[in-house]
């Protein structure tokens, strides 16, 4: 979330407090709407936890949607 907050501060010209609130809204929005299977990996990506593992899981899930083959 630190990276998202930093980008909100820089690109949207928000204060740190505003950016933190906006990031929390985005996180909650995604958590409410994403399928449970990808909710955890997306949250991990937002918080910066296990980025490589999240990328691998997303790649596998997307591969299944597009013919089941890895790139």
PDB file of N, CA and C in Angstrom:
ATOM      1  N   UNK A   1       0.828  -1.184   0.000  1.00  0.00           N
ATOM      2  CA  UNK A   1       0.000   0.000   0.000  1.00  0.00           C
ATOM      3  C   UNK A   1       0.873   1.247   0.000  1.00  0.00           C
ATOM      4  N   UNK A   2       2.091   1.112   0.471  1.00  0.00           N
ATOM      5  CA  UNK A   2       2.980   2.272   0.508  1.00  0.00           C
ATOM      6  C   UNK A   2       3.210   2.840  -0.888  1.00  0.00           C
ATOM      7  N   UNK A   3       3.394   1.947  -1.867  1.00  0.00           N
ATOM      8  CA  UNK A   3       3.628   2.411  -3.231  1.00  0.00           C
ATOM      9  C   UNK A   3       2.377   3.087  -3.790  1.00  0.00           C
ATOM     10  N   UNK A   4       1.210   2.518  -3.536  1.00  0.00           N
ATOM     11  CA  UNK A   4      -0.042   3.116  -3.987  1.00  0.00           C
ATOM     12  C   UNK A   4      -0.223   4.489  -3.347  1.00  0.00           C
ATOM     13  N   UNK A   5       0.026   4.583  -2.064  1.00  0.00           N
ATOM     14  CA  UNK A   5      -0.100   5.859  -1.356  1.00  0.00           C
ATOM     15  C   UNK A   5       0.877   6.876  -1.931  1.00  0.00           C
ATOM     16  N   UNK A   6       2.107   6.462  -2.182  1.00  0.00           N
ATOM     17  CA  UNK A   6       3.103   7.373  -2.750  1.00  0.00           C
ATOM     18  C   UNK A   6       2.655   7.881  -4.118  1.00  0.00           C
ATOM     19  N   UNK A   7       2.091   7.011  -4.930  1.00  0.00           N
ATOM     20  CA  UNK A   7       1.630   7.442  -6.254  1.00  0.00           C
ATOM     21  C   UNK A   7       0.424   8.365  -6.151  1.00  0.00           C
ATOM     22  N   UNK A   8      -0.465   8.111  -5.211  1.00  0.00           N
ATOM     23  CA  UNK A   8      -1.604   9.002  -5.004  1.00  0.00           C
ATOM     24  C   UNK A   8      -1.138  10.390  -4.571  1.00  0.00           C
ATOM     25  N   UNK A   9      -0.121  10.426  -3.729  1.00  0.00           N
ATOM     26  CA  UNK A   9       0.430  11.711  -3.288  1.00  0.00           C
ATOM     27  C   UNK A   9       1.037  12.452  -4.475  1.00  0.00           C
ATOM     28  N   UNK A  10       1.831  11.735  -5.253  1.00  0.00           N
ATOM     29  CA  UNK A  10       2.543  12.351  -6.369  1.00  0.00           C
ATOM     30  C   UNK A  10       1.613  12.704  -7.535  1.00  0.00           C
ATOM     31  N   UNK A  11       0.803  11.757  -7.967  1.00  0.00           N
ATOM     32  CA  UNK A  11       0.041  11.943  -9.201  1.00  0.00           C
ATOM     33  C   UNK A  11      -1.314  12.613  -9.007  1.00  0.00           C
ATOM     34  N   UNK A  12      -1.908  12.439  -7.841  1.00  0.00           N
ATOM     35  CA  UNK A  12      -3.216  13.046  -7.588  1.00  0.00           C
ATOM     36  C   UNK A  12      -3.102  14.264  -6.676  1.00  0.00           C
ATOM     37  N   UNK A  13      -1.874  14.558  -6.270  1.00  0.00           N
ATOM     38  CA  UNK A  13      -1.604  15.720  -5.417  1.00  0.00           C
ATOM     39  C   UNK A  13      -2.421  15.677  -4.124  1.00  0.00           C
ATOM     40  N   UNK A  14      -2.494  14.489  -3.520  1.00  0.00           N
ATOM     41  CA  UNK A  14      -3.204  14.315  -2.260  1.00  0.00           C
ATOM     42  C   UNK A  14      -2.231  14.446  -1.098  1.00  0.00           C
ATOM     43  N   UNK A  15      -2.769  14.791   0.061  1.00  0.00           N
ATOM     44  CA  UNK A  15      -1.948  14.751   1.268  1.00  0.00           C
ATOM     45  C   UNK A  15      -1.725  13.290   1.629  1.00  0.00           C
ATOM     46  N   UNK A  16      -0.796  13.037   2.526  1.00  0.00           N
ATOM     47  CA  UNK A  16      -0.549  11.653   2.943  1.00  0.00           C
ATOM     48  C   UNK A  16      -1.801  11.043   3.568  1.00  0.00           C
ATOM     49  N   UNK A  17      -2.504  11.817   4.359  1.00  0.00           N
ATOM     50  CA  UNK A  17      -3.727  11.319   4.997  1.00  0.00           C
ATOM     51  C   UNK A  17      -4.796  11.007   3.953  1.00  0.00           C
ATOM     52  N   UNK A  18      -4.990  11.898   2.999  1.00  0.00           N
ATOM     53  CA  UNK A  18      -5.968  11.670   1.936  1.00  0.00           C
ATOM     54  C   UNK A  18      -5.592  10.443   1.107  1.00  0.00           C
ATOM     55  N   UNK A  19      -4.319  10.319   0.792  1.00  0.00           N
ATOM     56  CA  UNK A  19      -3.855   9.187  -0.008  1.00  0.00           C
ATOM     57  C   UNK A  19      -4.072   7.877   0.741  1.00  0.00           C
ATOM     58  N   UNK A  20      -3.823   7.872   2.032  1.00  0.00           N
ATOM     59  CA  UNK A  20      -4.054   6.678   2.838  1.00  0.00           C
ATOM     60  C   UNK A  20      -5.519   6.282   2.852  1.00  0.00           C
ATOM     61  N   UNK A  21      -6.389   7.277   2.962  1.00  0.00           N
ATOM     62  CA  UNK A  21      -7.824   7.008   2.948  1.00  0.00           C
ATOM     63  C   UNK A  21      -8.260   6.493   1.575  1.00  0.00           C
ATOM     64  N   UNK A  22      -7.749   7.098   0.516  1.00  0.00           N
ATOM     65  CA  UNK A  22      -8.095   6.654  -0.835  1.00  0.00           C
ATOM     66  C   UNK A  22      -7.609   5.229  -1.079  1.00  0.00           C
ATOM     67  N   UNK A  23      -6.415   4.905  -0.627  1.00  0.00           N
ATOM     68  CA  UNK A  23      -5.871   3.555  -0.793  1.00  0.00           C
ATOM     69  C   UNK A  23      -6.733   2.539  -0.049  1.00  0.00           C
ATOM     70  N   UNK A  24      -7.187   2.901   1.128  1.00  0.00           N
ATOM     71  CA  UNK A  24      -8.052   2.001   1.900  1.00  0.00           C
ATOM     72  C   UNK A  24      -9.376   1.773   1.174  1.00  0.00           C
ATOM     73  N   UNK A  25      -9.915   2.814   0.559  1.00  0.00           N
ATOM     74  CA  UNK A  25     -11.156   2.683  -0.202  1.00  0.00           C
ATOM     75  C   UNK A  25     -10.947   1.730  -1.383  1.00  0.00           C
ATOM     76  N   UNK A  26      -9.832   1.898  -2.092  1.00  0.00           N
ATOM     77  CA  UNK A  26      -9.526   1.025  -3.232  1.00  0.00           C
ATOM     78  C   UNK A  26      -9.391  -0.421  -2.765  1.00  0.00           C
ATOM     79  N   UNK A  27      -8.664  -0.633  -1.690  1.00  0.00           N
ATOM     80  CA  UNK A  27      -8.472  -1.988  -1.157  1.00  0.00           C
ATOM     81  C   UNK A  27      -9.806  -2.622  -0.793  1.00  0.00           C
ATOM     82  N   UNK A  28     -10.659  -1.887  -0.109  1.00  0.00           N
ATOM     83  CA  UNK A  28     -11.965  -2.418   0.284  1.00  0.00           C
ATOM     84  C   UNK A  28     -12.863  -2.650  -0.929  1.00  0.00           C
ATOM     85  N   UNK A  29     -12.802  -1.752  -1.899  1.00  0.00           N
ATOM     86  CA  UNK A  29     -13.576  -1.901  -3.123  1.00  0.00           C
ATOM     87  C   UNK A  29     -13.211  -3.202  -3.828  1.00  0.00           C
ATOM     88  N   UNK A  30     -11.912  -3.434  -3.981  1.00  0.00           N
ATOM     89  CA  UNK A  30     -11.449  -4.653  -4.635  1.00  0.00           C
ATOM     90  C   UNK A  30     -11.818  -5.891  -3.818  1.00  0.00           C
ATOM     91  N   UNK A  31     -11.664  -5.821  -2.513  1.00  0.00           N
ATOM     92  CA  UNK A  31     -11.973  -6.965  -1.649  1.00  0.00           C
ATOM     93  C   UNK A  31     -13.446  -7.343  -1.745  1.00  0.00           C
ATOM     94  N   UNK A  32     -14.307  -6.348  -1.908  1.00  0.00           N
ATOM     95  CA  UNK A  32     -15.742  -6.616  -1.997  1.00  0.00           C
ATOM     96  C   UNK A  32     -16.151  -7.203  -3.343  1.00  0.00           C
ATOM     97  N   UNK A  33     -15.359  -6.946  -4.384  1.00  0.00           N
ATOM     98  CA  UNK A  33     -15.801  -7.314  -5.726  1.00  0.00           C
ATOM     99  C   UNK A  33     -15.018  -8.436  -6.395  1.00  0.00           C
ATOM    100  N   UNK A  34     -13.827  -8.703  -5.926  1.00  0.00           N
ATOM    101  CA  UNK A  34     -13.020  -9.749  -6.548  1.00  0.00           C
ATOM    102  C   UNK A  34     -13.467 -11.133  -6.094  1.00  0.00           C
ATOM    103  N   UNK A  35     -13.353 -12.104  -6.974  1.00  0.00           N
ATOM    104  CA  UNK A  35     -13.629 -13.482  -6.555  1.00  0.00           C
ATOM    105  C   UNK A  35     -12.669 -13.884  -5.430  1.00  0.00           C
ATOM    106  N   UNK A  36     -13.146 -14.693  -4.536  1.00  0.00           N
ATOM    107  CA  UNK A  36     -12.349 -15.077  -3.367  1.00  0.00           C
ATOM    108  C   UNK A  36     -11.001 -15.677  -3.752  1.00  0.00           C
ATOM    109  N   UNK A  37     -10.961 -16.396  -4.869  1.00  0.00           N
ATOM    110  CA  UNK A  37      -9.725 -17.063  -5.291  1.00  0.00           C
ATOM    111  C   UNK A  37      -8.585 -16.092  -5.569  1.00  0.00           C
ATOM    112  N   UNK A  38      -8.908 -14.875  -5.974  1.00  0.00           N
ATOM    113  CA  UNK A  38      -7.822 -13.921  -6.254  1.00  0.00           C
ATOM    114  C   UNK A  38      -7.779 -12.763  -5.263  1.00  0.00           C
ATOM    115  N   UNK A  39      -8.714 -12.729  -4.341  1.00  0.00           N
ATOM    116  CA  UNK A  39      -8.748 -11.649  -3.358  1.00  0.00           C
ATOM    117  C   UNK A  39      -7.457 -11.609  -2.528  1.00  0.00           C
ATOM    118  N   UNK A  40      -7.018 -12.753  -2.043  1.00  0.00           N
ATOM    119  CA  UNK A  40      -5.805 -12.814  -1.222  1.00  0.00           C
ATOM    120  C   UNK A  40      -4.565 -12.373  -1.971  1.00  0.00           C
ATOM    121  N   UNK A  41      -4.345 -12.909  -3.169  1.00  0.00           N
ATOM    122  CA  UNK A  41      -3.174 -12.477  -3.927  1.00  0.00           C
ATOM    123  C   UNK A  41      -3.172 -10.981  -4.253  1.00  0.00           C
ATOM    124  N   UNK A  42      -4.328 -10.425  -4.556  1.00  0.00           N
ATOM    125  CA  UNK A  42      -4.393  -8.988  -4.862  1.00  0.00           C
ATOM    126  C   UNK A  42      -4.093  -8.187  -3.606  1.00  0.00           C
ATOM    127  N   UNK A  43      -4.643  -8.603  -2.487  1.00  0.00           N
ATOM    128  CA  UNK A  43      -4.359  -7.900  -1.232  1.00  0.00           C
ATOM    129  C   UNK A  43      -2.876  -7.980  -0.892  1.00  0.00           C
ATOM    130  N   UNK A  44      -2.280  -9.135  -1.134  1.00  0.00           N
ATOM    131  CA  UNK A  44      -0.844  -9.275  -0.898  1.00  0.00           C
ATOM    132  C   UNK A  44      -0.045  -8.335  -1.794  1.00  0.00           C
ATOM    133  N   UNK A  45      -0.486  -8.183  -3.037  1.00  0.00           N
ATOM    134  CA  UNK A  45       0.196  -7.267  -3.952  1.00  0.00           C
ATOM    135  C   UNK A  45       0.062  -5.828  -3.472  1.00  0.00           C
ATOM    136  N   UNK A  46      -1.098  -5.468  -2.965  1.00  0.00           N
ATOM    137  CA  UNK A  46      -1.299  -4.105  -2.475  1.00  0.00           C
ATOM    138  C   UNK A  46      -0.450  -3.811  -1.250  1.00  0.00           C
ATOM    139  N   UNK A  47      -0.288  -4.807  -0.401  1.00  0.00           N
ATOM    140  CA  UNK A  47       0.480  -4.593   0.821  1.00  0.00           C
ATOM    141  C   UNK A  47       1.968  -4.843   0.630  1.00  0.00           C
ATOM    142  N   UNK A  48       2.338  -5.393  -0.555  1.00  0.00           N
ATOM    143  CA  UNK A  48       3.744  -5.642  -0.851  1.00  0.00           C
ATOM    144  C   UNK A  48       4.246  -6.970  -0.332  1.00  0.00           C
ATOM    145  N   UNK A  49       3.351  -7.830   0.133  1.00  0.00           N
ATOM    146  CA  UNK A  49       3.745  -9.130   0.658  1.00  0.00           C
ATOM    147  C   UNK A  49       3.752 -10.168  -0.456  1.00  0.00           C
ATOM    148  N   UNK A  50       4.851 -10.851  -0.617  1.00  0.00           N
ATOM    149  CA  UNK A  50       4.925 -11.964  -1.552  1.00  0.00           C
ATOM    150  C   UNK A  50       4.610 -11.604  -2.989  1.00  0.00           C
ATOM    151  N   UNK A  51       5.152 -10.538  -3.486  1.00  0.00           N
ATOM    152  CA  UNK A  51       4.847 -10.070  -4.836  1.00  0.00           C
ATOM    153  C   UNK A  51       5.128 -11.144  -5.880  1.00  0.00           C
ATOM    154  N   UNK A  52       6.230 -11.829  -5.798  1.00  0.00           N
ATOM    155  CA  UNK A  52       6.561 -12.840  -6.804  1.00  0.00           C
ATOM    156  C   UNK A  52       5.575 -14.001  -6.753  1.00  0.00           C
ATOM    157  N   UNK A  53       5.192 -14.410  -5.570  1.00  0.00           N
ATOM    158  CA  UNK A  53       4.217 -15.482  -5.450  1.00  0.00           C
ATOM    159  C   UNK A  53       2.869 -15.077  -6.028  1.00  0.00           C
ATOM    160  N   UNK A  54       2.487 -13.841  -5.809  1.00  0.00           N
ATOM    161  CA  UNK A  54       1.241 -13.325  -6.358  1.00  0.00           C
ATOM    162  C   UNK A  54       1.307 -13.318  -7.876  1.00  0.00           C
ATOM    163  N   UNK A  55       2.426 -12.876  -8.419  1.00  0.00           N
ATOM    164  CA  UNK A  55       2.581 -12.831  -9.877  1.00  0.00           C
ATOM    165  C   UNK A  55       2.482 -14.233 -10.463  1.00  0.00           C
ATOM    166  N   UNK A  56       3.095 -15.207  -9.821  1.00  0.00           N
ATOM    167  CA  UNK A  56       3.030 -16.584 -10.311  1.00  0.00           C
ATOM    168  C   UNK A  56       1.605 -17.129 -10.265  1.00  0.00           C
ATOM    169  N   UNK A  57       0.883 -16.850  -9.172  1.00  0.00           N
ATOM    170  CA  UNK A  57      -0.496 -17.309  -9.063  1.00  0.00           C
ATOM    171  C   UNK A  57      -1.369 -16.657 -10.134  1.00  0.00           C
ATOM    172  N   UNK A  58      -1.194 -15.362 -10.336  1.00  0.00           N
ATOM    173  CA  UNK A  58      -1.982 -14.657 -11.349  1.00  0.00           C
ATOM    174  C   UNK A  58      -1.687 -15.204 -12.738  1.00  0.00           C
ATOM    175  N   UNK A  59      -0.433 -15.472 -13.005  1.00  0.00           N
ATOM    176  CA  UNK A  59      -0.050 -16.021 -14.307  1.00  0.00           C
ATOM    177  C   UNK A  59      -0.739 -17.364 -14.533  1.00  0.00           C
ATOM    178  N   UNK A  60      -0.729 -18.202 -13.526  1.00  0.00           N
ATOM    179  CA  UNK A  60      -1.376 -19.501 -13.640  1.00  0.00           C
ATOM    180  C   UNK A  60      -2.873 -19.389 -13.834  1.00  0.00           C
ATOM    181  N   UNK A  61      -3.503 -18.469 -13.110  1.00  0.00           N
ATOM    182  CA  UNK A  61      -4.941 -18.286 -13.235  1.00  0.00           C
ATOM    183  C   UNK A  61      -5.298 -17.733 -14.602  1.00  0.00           C
ATOM    184  N   UNK A  62      -4.539 -16.760 -15.074  1.00  0.00           N
ATOM    185  CA  UNK A  62      -4.808 -16.177 -16.383  1.00  0.00           C
ATOM    186  C   UNK A  62      -4.533 -17.182 -17.488  1.00  0.00           C
ATOM    187  N   UNK A  63      -3.514 -18.006 -17.298  1.00  0.00           N
ATOM    188  CA  UNK A  63      -3.229 -19.047 -18.289  1.00  0.00           C
ATOM    189  C   UNK A  63      -4.389 -19.998 -18.427  1.00  0.00           C
ATOM    190  N   UNK A  64      -5.039 -20.309 -17.311  1.00  0.00           N
ATOM    191  CA  UNK A  64      -6.203 -21.176 -17.352  1.00  0.00           C
ATOM    192  C   UNK A  64      -7.363 -20.548 -18.098  1.00  0.00           C
ATOM    193  N   UNK A  65      -7.467 -19.237 -18.020  1.00  0.00           N
ATOM    194  CA  UNK A  65      -8.544 -18.549 -18.730  1.00  0.00           C
ATOM    195  C   UNK A  65      -8.300 -18.505 -20.228  1.00  0.00           C
ATOM    196  N   UNK A  66      -7.031 -18.512 -20.626  1.00  0.00           N
ATOM    197  CA  UNK A  66      -6.682 -18.356 -22.038  1.00  0.00           C
ATOM    198  C   UNK A  66      -6.040 -19.608 -22.618  1.00  0.00           C
ATOM    199  N   UNK A  67      -6.618 -20.741 -22.367  1.00  0.00           N
ATOM    200  CA  UNK A  67      -6.168 -21.958 -23.009  1.00  0.00           C
ATOM    201  C   UNK A  67      -5.357 -22.890 -22.147  1.00  0.00           C
ATOM    202  N   UNK A  68      -5.042 -22.492 -20.916  1.00  0.00           N
ATOM    203  CA  UNK A  68      -4.372 -23.379 -19.995  1.00  0.00           C
ATOM    204  C   UNK A  68      -2.890 -23.562 -20.222  1.00  0.00           C
ATOM    205  N   UNK A  69      -2.275 -22.798 -21.093  1.00  0.00           N
ATOM    206  CA  UNK A  69      -0.840 -22.925 -21.333  1.00  0.00           C
ATOM    207  C   UNK A  69      -0.102 -21.766 -20.701  1.00  0.00           C
ATOM    208  N   UNK A  70       1.032 -22.062 -20.103  1.00  0.00           N
ATOM    209  CA  UNK A  70       1.889 -21.001 -19.573  1.00  0.00           C
ATOM    210  C   UNK A  70       2.631 -20.364 -20.733  1.00  0.00           C
ATOM    211  N   UNK A  71       2.994 -19.087 -20.559  1.00  0.00           N
ATOM    212  CA  UNK A  71       3.722 -18.379 -21.601  1.00  0.00           C
ATOM    213  C   UNK A  71       5.129 -18.848 -21.716  1.00  0.00           C
TER     214      UNK A  71
END
